[in-house]
PDB file of all heavy atoms in Angstrom:
ATOM      1  N   ASN A   1      14.610  28.144   2.899  1.00  0.00           N
ATOM      2  CA  ASN A   1      15.832  28.241   3.625  1.00  0.00           C
ATOM      3  C   ASN A   1      16.628  26.903   3.593  1.00  0.00           C
ATOM      4  O   ASN A   1      17.828  26.926   3.393  1.00  0.00           O
ATOM      5  CB  ASN A   1      15.580  28.634   5.105  1.00  0.00           C
ATOM      6  CG  ASN A   1      15.097  30.103   5.196  1.00  0.00           C
ATOM      7  OD1 ASN A   1      15.449  30.901   4.385  1.00  0.00           O
ATOM      8  ND2 ASN A   1      14.322  30.313   6.208  1.00  0.00           N
ATOM      9  N   LEU A   2      15.877  25.771   3.844  1.00  0.00           N
ATOM     10  CA  LEU A   2      16.530  24.472   3.885  1.00  0.00           C
ATOM     11  C   LEU A   2      16.974  24.048   2.463  1.00  0.00           C
ATOM     12  O   LEU A   2      18.109  23.628   2.212  1.00  0.00           O
ATOM     13  CB  LEU A   2      15.617  23.450   4.452  1.00  0.00           C
ATOM     14  CG  LEU A   2      15.348  23.464   5.975  1.00  0.00           C
ATOM     15  CD1 LEU A   2      14.418  22.342   6.411  1.00  0.00           C
ATOM     16  CD2 LEU A   2      16.686  23.405   6.745  1.00  0.00           C
ATOM     17  N   MET A   3      16.081  24.189   1.462  1.00  0.00           N
ATOM     18  CA  MET A   3      16.399  23.715   0.110  1.00  0.00           C
ATOM     19  C   MET A   3      17.540  24.548  -0.526  1.00  0.00           C
ATOM     20  O   MET A   3      18.455  23.984  -1.152  1.00  0.00           O
ATOM     21  CB  MET A   3      15.148  23.833  -0.809  1.00  0.00           C
ATOM     22  CG  MET A   3      14.085  22.764  -0.463  1.00  0.00           C
ATOM     23  SD  MET A   3      14.779  21.050  -0.640  1.00  0.00           S
ATOM     24  CE  MET A   3      15.237  21.006  -2.372  1.00  0.00           C
ATOM     25  N   SER A   4      17.464  25.883  -0.356  1.00  0.00           N
ATOM     26  CA  SER A   4      18.532  26.696  -0.935  1.00  0.00           C
ATOM     27  C   SER A   4      19.888  26.460  -0.406  1.00  0.00           C
ATOM     28  O   SER A   4      20.880  26.318  -1.068  1.00  0.00           O
ATOM     29  CB  SER A   4      18.147  28.183  -0.750  1.00  0.00           C
ATOM     30  OG  SER A   4      18.050  28.548   0.557  1.00  0.00           O
ATOM     31  N   THR A   5      19.941  26.337   0.956  1.00  0.00           N
ATOM     32  CA  THR A   5      21.254  26.076   1.614  1.00  0.00           C
ATOM     33  C   THR A   5      21.728  24.620   1.333  1.00  0.00           C
ATOM     34  O   THR A   5      22.945  24.424   1.075  1.00  0.00           O
ATOM     35  CB  THR A   5      21.188  26.336   3.115  1.00  0.00           C
ATOM     36  OG1 THR A   5      20.094  25.524   3.698  1.00  0.00           O
ATOM     37  CG2 THR A   5      20.947  27.814   3.449  1.00  0.00           C
ATOM     38  N   VAL A   6      20.842  23.662   1.361  1.00  0.00           N
ATOM     39  CA  VAL A   6      21.238  22.279   1.106  1.00  0.00           C
ATOM     40  C   VAL A   6      21.729  22.191  -0.325  1.00  0.00           C
ATOM     41  O   VAL A   6      22.757  21.450  -0.643  1.00  0.00           O
ATOM     42  CB  VAL A   6      20.016  21.348   1.342  1.00  0.00           C
ATOM     43  CG1 VAL A   6      20.360  19.963   0.744  1.00  0.00           C
ATOM     44  CG2 VAL A   6      19.769  21.195   2.829  1.00  0.00           C
ATOM     45  N   LEU A   7      21.045  22.784  -1.273  1.00  0.00           N
ATOM     46  CA  LEU A   7      21.504  22.726  -2.688  1.00  0.00           C
ATOM     47  C   LEU A   7      22.845  23.319  -2.941  1.00  0.00           C
ATOM     48  O   LEU A   7      23.703  22.822  -3.681  1.00  0.00           O
ATOM     49  CB  LEU A   7      20.474  23.365  -3.641  1.00  0.00           C
ATOM     50  CG  LEU A   7      19.212  22.589  -3.843  1.00  0.00           C
ATOM     51  CD1 LEU A   7      18.169  23.444  -4.643  1.00  0.00           C
ATOM     52  CD2 LEU A   7      19.435  21.301  -4.512  1.00  0.00           C
ATOM     53  N   VAL A   8      23.128  24.468  -2.255  1.00  0.00           N
ATOM     54  CA  VAL A   8      24.428  25.099  -2.318  1.00  0.00           C
ATOM     55  C   VAL A   8      25.506  24.144  -1.818  1.00  0.00           C
ATOM     56  O   VAL A   8      26.525  23.934  -2.471  1.00  0.00           O
ATOM     57  CB  VAL A   8      24.480  26.421  -1.555  1.00  0.00           C
ATOM     58  CG1 VAL A   8      25.898  26.917  -1.406  1.00  0.00           C
ATOM     59  CG2 VAL A   8      23.648  27.475  -2.265  1.00  0.00           C
ATOM     60  N   ILE A   9      25.225  23.502  -0.683  1.00  0.00           N
ATOM     61  CA  ILE A   9      26.205  22.541  -0.072  1.00  0.00           C
ATOM     62  C   ILE A   9      26.408  21.372  -0.970  1.00  0.00           C
ATOM     63  O   ILE A   9      27.553  20.925  -1.206  1.00  0.00           O
ATOM     64  CB  ILE A   9      25.721  22.140   1.354  1.00  0.00           C
ATOM     65  CG1 ILE A   9      25.729  23.318   2.305  1.00  0.00           C
ATOM     66  CG2 ILE A   9      26.560  20.955   1.845  1.00  0.00           C
ATOM     67  CD1 ILE A   9      25.029  23.066   3.634  1.00  0.00           C
ATOM     68  N   ILE A  10      25.286  20.775  -1.497  1.00  0.00           N
ATOM     69  CA  ILE A  10      25.393  19.547  -2.330  1.00  0.00           C
ATOM     70  C   ILE A  10      26.183  19.887  -3.605  1.00  0.00           C
ATOM     71  O   ILE A  10      27.132  19.138  -3.951  1.00  0.00           O
ATOM     72  CB  ILE A  10      24.010  19.015  -2.647  1.00  0.00           C
ATOM     73  CG1 ILE A  10      23.334  18.397  -1.422  1.00  0.00           C
ATOM     74  CG2 ILE A  10      24.125  17.973  -3.790  1.00  0.00           C
ATOM     75  CD1 ILE A  10      21.937  17.978  -1.634  1.00  0.00           C
ATOM     76  N   PHE A  11      25.795  20.898  -4.333  1.00  0.00           N
ATOM     77  CA  PHE A  11      26.496  21.234  -5.529  1.00  0.00           C
ATOM     78  C   PHE A  11      27.943  21.567  -5.346  1.00  0.00           C
ATOM     79  O   PHE A  11      28.852  21.304  -6.127  1.00  0.00           O
ATOM     80  CB  PHE A  11      25.775  22.294  -6.342  1.00  0.00           C
ATOM     81  CG  PHE A  11      24.574  21.806  -7.103  1.00  0.00           C
ATOM     82  CD1 PHE A  11      23.278  22.118  -6.685  1.00  0.00           C
ATOM     83  CD2 PHE A  11      24.728  21.041  -8.257  1.00  0.00           C
ATOM     84  CE1 PHE A  11      22.210  21.609  -7.327  1.00  0.00           C
ATOM     85  CE2 PHE A  11      23.668  20.524  -8.949  1.00  0.00           C
ATOM     86  CZ  PHE A  11      22.324  20.786  -8.506  1.00  0.00           C
ATOM     87  N   SER A  12      28.216  22.358  -4.236  1.00  0.00           N
ATOM     88  CA  SER A  12      29.628  22.680  -3.880  1.00  0.00           C
ATOM     89  C   SER A  12      30.468  21.464  -3.737  1.00  0.00           C
ATOM     90  O   SER A  12      31.581  21.344  -4.279  1.00  0.00           O
ATOM     91  CB  SER A  12      29.665  23.595  -2.638  1.00  0.00           C
ATOM     92  OG  SER A  12      29.078  24.775  -2.812  1.00  0.00           O
ATOM     93  N   TYR A  13      29.934  20.467  -3.036  1.00  0.00           N
ATOM     94  CA  TYR A  13      30.706  19.257  -2.761  1.00  0.00           C
ATOM     95  C   TYR A  13      30.761  18.338  -4.000  1.00  0.00           C
ATOM     96  O   TYR A  13      31.702  17.511  -4.051  1.00  0.00           O
ATOM     97  CB  TYR A  13      30.263  18.518  -1.469  1.00  0.00           C
ATOM     98  CG  TYR A  13      30.783  19.184  -0.296  1.00  0.00           C
ATOM     99  CD1 TYR A  13      30.093  20.009   0.579  1.00  0.00           C
ATOM    100  CD2 TYR A  13      32.151  18.905   0.083  1.00  0.00           C
ATOM    101  CE1 TYR A  13      30.669  20.588   1.701  1.00  0.00           C
ATOM    102  CE2 TYR A  13      32.716  19.484   1.244  1.00  0.00           C
ATOM    103  CZ  TYR A  13      31.986  20.331   2.004  1.00  0.00           C
ATOM    104  OH  TYR A  13      32.559  20.929   3.143  1.00  0.00           O
ATOM    105  N   ILE A  14      29.791  18.388  -4.869  1.00  0.00           N
ATOM    106  CA  ILE A  14      29.922  17.585  -6.080  1.00  0.00           C
ATOM    107  C   ILE A  14      31.119  18.115  -6.917  1.00  0.00           C
ATOM    108  O   ILE A  14      31.892  17.329  -7.404  1.00  0.00           O
ATOM    109  CB  ILE A  14      28.622  17.770  -6.913  1.00  0.00           C
ATOM    110  CG1 ILE A  14      27.474  16.992  -6.250  1.00  0.00           C
ATOM    111  CG2 ILE A  14      28.796  17.256  -8.325  1.00  0.00           C
ATOM    112  CD1 ILE A  14      26.125  17.090  -6.884  1.00  0.00           C
ATOM    113  N   TYR A  15      31.199  19.415  -7.033  1.00  0.00           N
ATOM    114  CA  TYR A  15      32.325  20.032  -7.793  1.00  0.00           C
ATOM    115  C   TYR A  15      33.654  19.798  -7.037  1.00  0.00           C
ATOM    116  O   TYR A  15      34.705  19.546  -7.668  1.00  0.00           O
ATOM    117  CB  TYR A  15      32.147  21.535  -8.014  1.00  0.00           C
ATOM    118  CG  TYR A  15      31.140  21.815  -9.099  1.00  0.00           C
ATOM    119  CD1 TYR A  15      29.831  22.299  -8.836  1.00  0.00           C
ATOM    120  CD2 TYR A  15      31.490  21.665 -10.422  1.00  0.00           C
ATOM    121  CE1 TYR A  15      28.929  22.578  -9.845  1.00  0.00           C
ATOM    122  CE2 TYR A  15      30.577  21.910 -11.465  1.00  0.00           C
ATOM    123  CZ  TYR A  15      29.341  22.411 -11.168  1.00  0.00           C
ATOM    124  OH  TYR A  15      28.431  22.673 -12.219  1.00  0.00           O
ATOM    125  N   ILE A  16      33.627  19.828  -5.707  1.00  0.00           N
ATOM    126  CA  ILE A  16      34.829  19.630  -4.906  1.00  0.00           C
ATOM    127  C   ILE A  16      35.306  18.229  -5.112  1.00  0.00           C
ATOM    128  O   ILE A  16      36.509  17.976  -5.326  1.00  0.00           O
ATOM    129  CB  ILE A  16      34.581  19.885  -3.388  1.00  0.00           C
ATOM    130  CG1 ILE A  16      34.416  21.406  -3.188  1.00  0.00           C
ATOM    131  CG2 ILE A  16      35.656  19.283  -2.555  1.00  0.00           C
ATOM    132  CD1 ILE A  16      33.931  21.803  -1.754  1.00  0.00           C
ATOM    133  N   LEU A  17      34.407  17.240  -5.019  1.00  0.00           N
ATOM    134  CA  LEU A  17      34.724  15.812  -5.240  1.00  0.00           C
ATOM    135  C   LEU A  17      35.313  15.609  -6.600  1.00  0.00           C
ATOM    136  O   LEU A  17      36.309  14.899  -6.695  1.00  0.00           O
ATOM    137  CB  LEU A  17      33.443  14.940  -5.045  1.00  0.00           C
ATOM    138  CG  LEU A  17      33.678  13.437  -5.111  1.00  0.00           C
ATOM    139  CD1 LEU A  17      34.674  12.975  -4.104  1.00  0.00           C
ATOM    140  CD2 LEU A  17      32.358  12.695  -5.029  1.00  0.00           C
ATOM    141  N   GLY A  18      34.737  16.209  -7.624  1.00  0.00           N
ATOM    142  CA  GLY A  18      35.271  16.117  -8.994  1.00  0.00           C
ATOM    143  C   GLY A  18      36.617  16.638  -9.067  1.00  0.00           C
ATOM    144  O   GLY A  18      37.491  16.059  -9.746  1.00  0.00           O
ATOM    145  N   ALA A  19      36.906  17.773  -8.388  1.00  0.00           N
ATOM    146  CA  ALA A  19      38.206  18.394  -8.486  1.00  0.00           C
ATOM    147  C   ALA A  19      39.231  17.507  -7.751  1.00  0.00           C
ATOM    148  O   ALA A  19      40.422  17.359  -8.176  1.00  0.00           O
ATOM    149  CB  ALA A  19      38.185  19.758  -7.891  1.00  0.00           C
ATOM    150  N   ILE A  20      38.849  16.948  -6.615  1.00  0.00           N
ATOM    151  CA  ILE A  20      39.756  16.059  -5.831  1.00  0.00           C
ATOM    152  C   ILE A  20      40.117  14.826  -6.629  1.00  0.00           C
ATOM    153  O   ILE A  20      41.301  14.374  -6.610  1.00  0.00           O
ATOM    154  CB  ILE A  20      39.144  15.763  -4.489  1.00  0.00           C
ATOM    155  CG1 ILE A  20      39.058  16.987  -3.592  1.00  0.00           C
ATOM    156  CG2 ILE A  20      39.912  14.605  -3.763  1.00  0.00           C
ATOM    157  CD1 ILE A  20      38.302  16.776  -2.277  1.00  0.00           C
ATOM    158  N   LEU A  21      39.184  14.219  -7.265  1.00  0.00           N
ATOM    159  CA  LEU A  21      39.424  12.953  -8.001  1.00  0.00           C
ATOM    160  C   LEU A  21      40.350  13.200  -9.205  1.00  0.00           C
ATOM    161  O   LEU A  21      40.970  12.308  -9.707  1.00  0.00           O
ATOM    162  CB  LEU A  21      38.060  12.423  -8.492  1.00  0.00           C
ATOM    163  CG  LEU A  21      37.125  11.875  -7.433  1.00  0.00           C
ATOM    164  CD1 LEU A  21      35.801  11.372  -7.988  1.00  0.00           C
ATOM    165  CD2 LEU A  21      37.801  10.721  -6.619  1.00  0.00           C
ATOM    166  N   LYS A  22      40.356  14.471  -9.713  1.00  0.00           N
ATOM    167  CA  LYS A  22      41.240  14.809 -10.822  1.00  0.00           C
ATOM    168  C   LYS A  22      42.702  15.103 -10.379  1.00  0.00           C
ATOM    169  O   LYS A  22      43.592  15.163 -11.263  1.00  0.00           O
ATOM    170  CB  LYS A  22      40.696  16.006 -11.594  1.00  0.00           C
ATOM    171  CG  LYS A  22      39.392  15.734 -12.355  1.00  0.00           C
ATOM    172  CD  LYS A  22      38.885  17.002 -13.020  1.00  0.00           C
ATOM    173  CE  LYS A  22      37.570  16.759 -13.750  1.00  0.00           C
ATOM    174  NZ  LYS A  22      37.040  18.073 -14.327  1.00  0.00           N
ATOM    175  N   MET A  23      42.901  15.256  -9.049  1.00  0.00           N
ATOM    176  CA  MET A  23      44.229  15.533  -8.564  1.00  0.00           C
ATOM    177  C   MET A  23      45.122  14.286  -8.744  1.00  0.00           C
ATOM    178  O   MET A  23      44.756  13.167  -8.407  1.00  0.00           O
ATOM    179  CB  MET A  23      44.175  15.929  -7.079  1.00  0.00           C
ATOM    180  CG  MET A  23      43.489  17.248  -6.846  1.00  0.00           C
ATOM    181  SD  MET A  23      43.434  17.610  -5.062  1.00  0.00           S
ATOM    182  CE  MET A  23      42.666  19.251  -5.055  1.00  0.00           C
ATOM    183  N   SER A  24      46.362  14.473  -9.247  1.00  0.00           N
ATOM    184  CA  SER A  24      47.281  13.381  -9.437  1.00  0.00           C
ATOM    185  C   SER A  24      48.057  13.043  -8.176  1.00  0.00           C
ATOM    186  O   SER A  24      48.490  11.943  -7.945  1.00  0.00           O
ATOM    187  CB  SER A  24      48.239  13.689 -10.550  1.00  0.00           C
ATOM    188  OG  SER A  24      48.892  14.910 -10.279  1.00  0.00           O
ATOM    189  N   SER A  25      48.188  14.072  -7.301  1.00  0.00           N
ATOM    190  CA  SER A  25      48.969  13.892  -6.048  1.00  0.00           C
ATOM    191  C   SER A  25      48.097  13.313  -4.963  1.00  0.00           C
ATOM    192  O   SER A  25      47.026  13.846  -4.629  1.00  0.00           O
ATOM    193  CB  SER A  25      49.566  15.262  -5.650  1.00  0.00           C
ATOM    194  OG  SER A  25      50.046  15.187  -4.320  1.00  0.00           O
TER     195      SER A  25
END
């Protein structure tokens, strides 16, 4: 329960951070 939910959160925010850094605005 902990590993599956933590991994979903971590990978989600890794992709979110990548998308935010690519924003020009």
